[in-house]
Amino acid sequence: MTLRNSIRSQLRTKRRALTPHQHEDYAQGFANHFAKTAMFRKSERIAFYVANDGELDPSHLMANAWATGKKCYLPVLTQTHDKSLMFAPYEPDAPMSYNQFGIPEPNVSARHRIKARYLDLIIMPLVAFDKQGNRLGMGGGYYDRTLGFLNVRAKWIKPRLVGIGYSFQEIPSIESESWDVPLSYIATEQSLIKI
């Protein structure tokens, strides 16, 4: 087992061990402090995700986004060979279907989906993070392939990339690979870390 896979296994086990009450408290804590940031208030088009496998749930923040008139999106797996993501508009009670990993996606036609470059803010799940902005995901590489265009820019304003997770998912360092796309911020139930 590689070091990355060992870290994934340990931290996924730890986050799945949280009680439903802890999951709810951490999700609410994250939403409460992140909703107050200028970055969130100024963003109009925001991508979220549906929590899976014990991930920190961004649904409270999404409810805040709807209440303040923001457009919310969820990732949808593309049906192409490159294994990347598009982003579909999402509203409460929208029809959903399950992708190959059993994760719900908005059931909208491809013409209503947008590319990452048209979003202001992307809220991303993670398994581990370090304070240098490195993120360890589930290992499929979907976000890195989707956001690879950012690696060819010296600087970008949007989309801003925010990895969210529990504070216990921080590790001292993650060795980055050439295809990894660094985060702009990391948010936990306790804090917001600017990279």
Protein backbone atom coordinates (compact mmCIF):
# COMPACT_ATOMS: atom_id res chain seq x y z
CA MET A 1 0.00 0.00 0.00
CA THR A 2 1.39 3.43 -0.97
CA LEU A 3 1.76 6.22 1.58
CA ARG A 4 -1.10 8.16 -0.04
CA ASN A 5 -3.40 5.14 0.13
CA SER A 6 -2.44 4.49 3.74
CA ILE A 7 -3.30 8.10 4.66
CA ARG A 8 -6.59 7.81 2.77
CA SER A 9 -7.51 4.61 4.57
CA GLN A 10 -6.73 5.98 8.05
CA LEU A 11 -8.53 9.29 7.61
CA ARG A 12 -11.57 7.83 5.85
CA THR A 13 -11.95 5.39 8.75
CA LYS A 14 -11.65 8.26 11.23
CA ARG A 15 -14.27 10.47 9.56
CA ARG A 16 -16.71 7.55 9.14
CA ALA A 17 -16.38 6.90 12.90
CA LEU A 18 -17.91 10.28 13.76
CA THR A 19 -21.39 10.08 15.24
CA PRO A 20 -24.35 11.63 13.37
CA HIS A 21 -24.41 14.35 16.05
CA GLN A 22 -20.73 15.14 15.45
CA HIS A 23 -21.24 15.23 11.67
CA GLU A 24 -24.08 17.72 12.14
CA ASP A 25 -22.16 19.92 14.61
CA TYR A 26 -19.08 20.07 12.38
CA ALA A 27 -21.16 20.82 9.27
CA GLN A 28 -22.99 23.62 11.06
CA GLY A 29 -19.74 25.03 12.46
CA PHE A 30 -18.16 25.11 9.01
CA ALA A 31 -21.22 26.75 7.44
CA ASN A 32 -21.54 29.38 10.18
CA HIS A 33 -18.02 30.73 9.85
CA PHE A 34 -17.60 30.29 6.09
CA ALA A 35 -20.84 32.12 5.27
CA LYS A 36 -19.36 35.23 6.88
CA THR A 37 -16.34 35.39 4.57
CA ALA A 38 -16.14 38.05 1.85
CA MET A 39 -15.22 35.29 -0.60
CA PHE A 40 -18.54 33.55 -0.06
CA ARG A 41 -20.59 36.74 0.05
CA LYS A 42 -19.13 38.00 -3.24
CA SER A 43 -19.46 34.70 -5.12
CA GLU A 44 -22.51 34.24 -7.33
CA ARG A 45 -21.91 30.81 -8.92
CA ILE A 46 -20.78 28.23 -6.40
CA ALA A 47 -20.13 24.52 -6.84
CA PHE A 48 -20.80 22.29 -3.86
CA TYR A 49 -20.88 18.48 -3.54
CA VAL A 50 -23.10 15.86 -1.95
CA ALA A 51 -21.34 14.49 1.14
CA ASN A 52 -20.37 10.84 0.88
CA ASP A 53 -18.26 8.42 2.92
CA GLY A 54 -18.24 10.62 6.04
CA GLU A 55 -17.18 13.83 4.24
CA LEU A 56 -17.90 17.19 5.84
CA ASP A 57 -21.39 18.08 4.64
CA PRO A 58 -21.69 21.48 2.89
CA SER A 59 -25.51 21.39 2.72
CA HIS A 60 -25.99 24.07 5.43
CA LEU A 61 -23.78 26.44 3.44
CA MET A 62 -25.70 25.55 0.28
CA ALA A 63 -28.97 26.45 2.02
CA ASN A 64 -27.43 29.81 2.93
CA ALA A 65 -26.39 30.29 -0.72
CA TRP A 66 -29.94 29.64 -1.94
CA ALA A 67 -31.37 31.98 0.69
CA THR A 68 -29.10 34.79 -0.53
CA GLY A 69 -29.87 34.29 -4.23
CA LYS A 70 -26.70 32.52 -5.31
CA LYS A 71 -26.63 29.88 -8.06
CA CYS A 72 -25.60 26.47 -6.78
CA TYR A 73 -24.03 23.67 -8.81
CA LEU A 74 -23.04 20.07 -8.19
CA PRO A 75 -20.35 18.05 -9.98
CA VAL A 76 -21.46 15.57 -12.62
CA LEU A 77 -19.18 12.90 -14.08
CA THR A 78 -18.64 13.37 -17.78
CA GLN A 79 -19.32 10.47 -20.12
CA THR A 80 -16.06 11.10 -21.96
CA HIS A 81 -12.80 9.17 -21.76
CA ASP A 82 -10.99 11.92 -19.82
CA LYS A 83 -12.82 11.22 -16.53
CA SER A 84 -13.50 14.83 -15.64
CA LEU A 85 -16.38 16.83 -14.18
CA MET A 86 -18.95 19.30 -15.42
CA PHE A 87 -21.17 21.27 -13.06
CA ALA A 88 -24.96 21.10 -13.15
CA PRO A 89 -27.33 23.65 -11.62
CA TYR A 90 -28.97 22.40 -8.48
CA GLU A 91 -31.95 23.62 -6.48
CA PRO A 92 -33.81 22.07 -3.53
CA ASP A 93 -35.86 19.02 -4.48
CA ALA A 94 -34.34 18.85 -7.98
CA PRO A 95 -34.51 15.36 -9.55
CA MET A 96 -31.32 13.37 -9.01
CA SER A 97 -29.79 10.20 -10.40
CA TYR A 98 -26.87 8.16 -9.09
CA ASN A 99 -23.50 8.00 -10.82
CA GLN A 100 -21.25 4.94 -11.03
CA PHE A 101 -19.98 5.60 -7.48
CA GLY A 102 -23.48 5.81 -6.01
CA ILE A 103 -23.28 9.59 -5.54
CA PRO A 104 -26.37 11.64 -6.47
CA GLU A 105 -26.08 14.08 -9.38
CA PRO A 106 -28.63 16.56 -10.77
CA ASN A 107 -30.62 14.92 -13.51
CA VAL A 108 -30.24 17.66 -16.14
CA SER A 109 -29.28 17.52 -19.79
CA ALA A 110 -25.69 18.16 -20.83
CA ARG A 111 -26.58 21.52 -22.38
CA HIS A 112 -27.42 22.90 -18.92
CA ARG A 113 -24.03 21.94 -17.44
CA ILE A 114 -21.12 24.37 -17.25
CA LYS A 115 -17.34 24.09 -17.09
CA ALA A 116 -15.38 24.90 -13.95
CA ARG A 117 -13.96 28.11 -15.47
CA TYR A 118 -17.41 29.73 -15.29
CA LEU A 119 -17.73 29.28 -11.53
CA ASP A 120 -16.69 31.82 -8.91
CA LEU A 121 -16.07 29.31 -6.13
CA ILE A 122 -15.66 25.54 -5.96
CA ILE A 123 -16.19 23.83 -2.61
CA MET A 124 -14.31 20.52 -2.82
CA PRO A 125 -14.19 17.49 -0.53
CA LEU A 126 -10.88 16.13 0.65
CA VAL A 127 -9.44 13.22 2.60
CA ALA A 128 -6.32 15.04 3.82
CA PHE A 129 -4.74 18.47 3.49
CA ASP A 130 -1.65 20.40 4.48
CA LYS A 131 -1.19 24.13 5.09
CA GLN A 132 0.62 24.55 1.78
CA GLY A 133 -2.65 24.01 -0.10
CA ASN A 134 -2.11 20.40 -1.08
CA ARG A 135 -5.18 18.20 -1.08
CA LEU A 136 -5.49 14.45 -1.04
CA GLY A 137 -8.80 13.32 -2.51
CA MET A 138 -10.31 9.90 -2.97
CA GLY A 139 -7.77 9.00 -5.64
CA GLY A 140 -9.84 9.22 -8.83
CA GLY A 141 -8.25 12.47 -10.01
CA TYR A 142 -11.54 13.95 -11.25
CA TYR A 143 -11.03 17.40 -9.74
CA ASP A 144 -7.37 17.58 -10.82
CA ARG A 145 -8.24 16.70 -14.43
CA THR A 146 -11.16 19.14 -14.43
CA LEU A 147 -9.10 21.98 -12.97
CA GLY A 148 -5.84 21.26 -14.79
CA PHE A 149 -6.29 24.40 -16.88
CA LEU A 150 -5.44 26.42 -13.76
CA ASN A 151 -1.93 24.93 -13.64
CA VAL A 152 -1.02 26.69 -16.88
CA ARG A 153 -1.96 30.11 -15.47
CA ALA A 154 0.58 32.03 -13.42
CA LYS A 155 -2.24 33.52 -11.37
CA TRP A 156 -6.00 33.22 -11.38
CA ILE A 157 -8.85 35.00 -9.66
CA LYS A 158 -11.58 32.44 -10.27
CA PRO A 159 -12.66 29.90 -9.67
CA ARG A 160 -11.42 29.99 -6.12
CA LEU A 161 -10.81 26.49 -4.85
CA VAL A 162 -11.75 25.70 -1.27
CA GLY A 163 -11.09 22.25 0.13
CA ILE A 164 -13.25 21.45 3.12
CA GLY A 165 -12.76 18.81 5.74
CA TYR A 166 -12.46 18.20 9.44
CA SER A 167 -9.57 19.75 11.33
CA PHE A 168 -8.27 16.26 12.16
CA GLN A 169 -7.66 15.68 8.44
CA GLU A 170 -4.68 18.05 8.47
CA ILE A 171 -1.32 16.35 8.08
CA PRO A 172 2.15 17.97 8.12
CA SER A 173 2.77 17.68 4.38
CA ILE A 174 1.52 16.03 1.23
CA GLU A 175 4.00 15.44 -1.55
CA SER A 176 2.43 17.07 -4.60
CA GLU A 177 2.42 15.55 -8.05
CA SER A 178 2.76 17.52 -11.31
CA TRP A 179 -0.97 17.15 -12.03
CA ASP A 180 -2.16 18.27 -8.57
CA VAL A 181 -4.02 21.59 -8.55
CA PRO A 182 -3.34 23.55 -5.35
CA LEU A 183 -6.17 24.94 -3.24
CA SER A 184 -6.76 28.64 -2.62
CA TYR A 185 -8.17 28.00 0.86
CA ILE A 186 -8.90 25.19 3.27
CA ALA A 187 -11.92 25.40 5.54
CA THR A 188 -12.71 23.20 8.51
CA GLU A 189 -15.30 23.32 11.27
CA GLN A 190 -12.83 25.51 13.19
CA SER A 191 -10.99 27.76 10.77
CA LEU A 192 -10.29 29.12 7.31
CA ILE A 193 -6.71 28.80 6.08
CA LYS A 194 -5.62 31.05 3.22
CA ILE A 195 -2.87 29.58 1.09
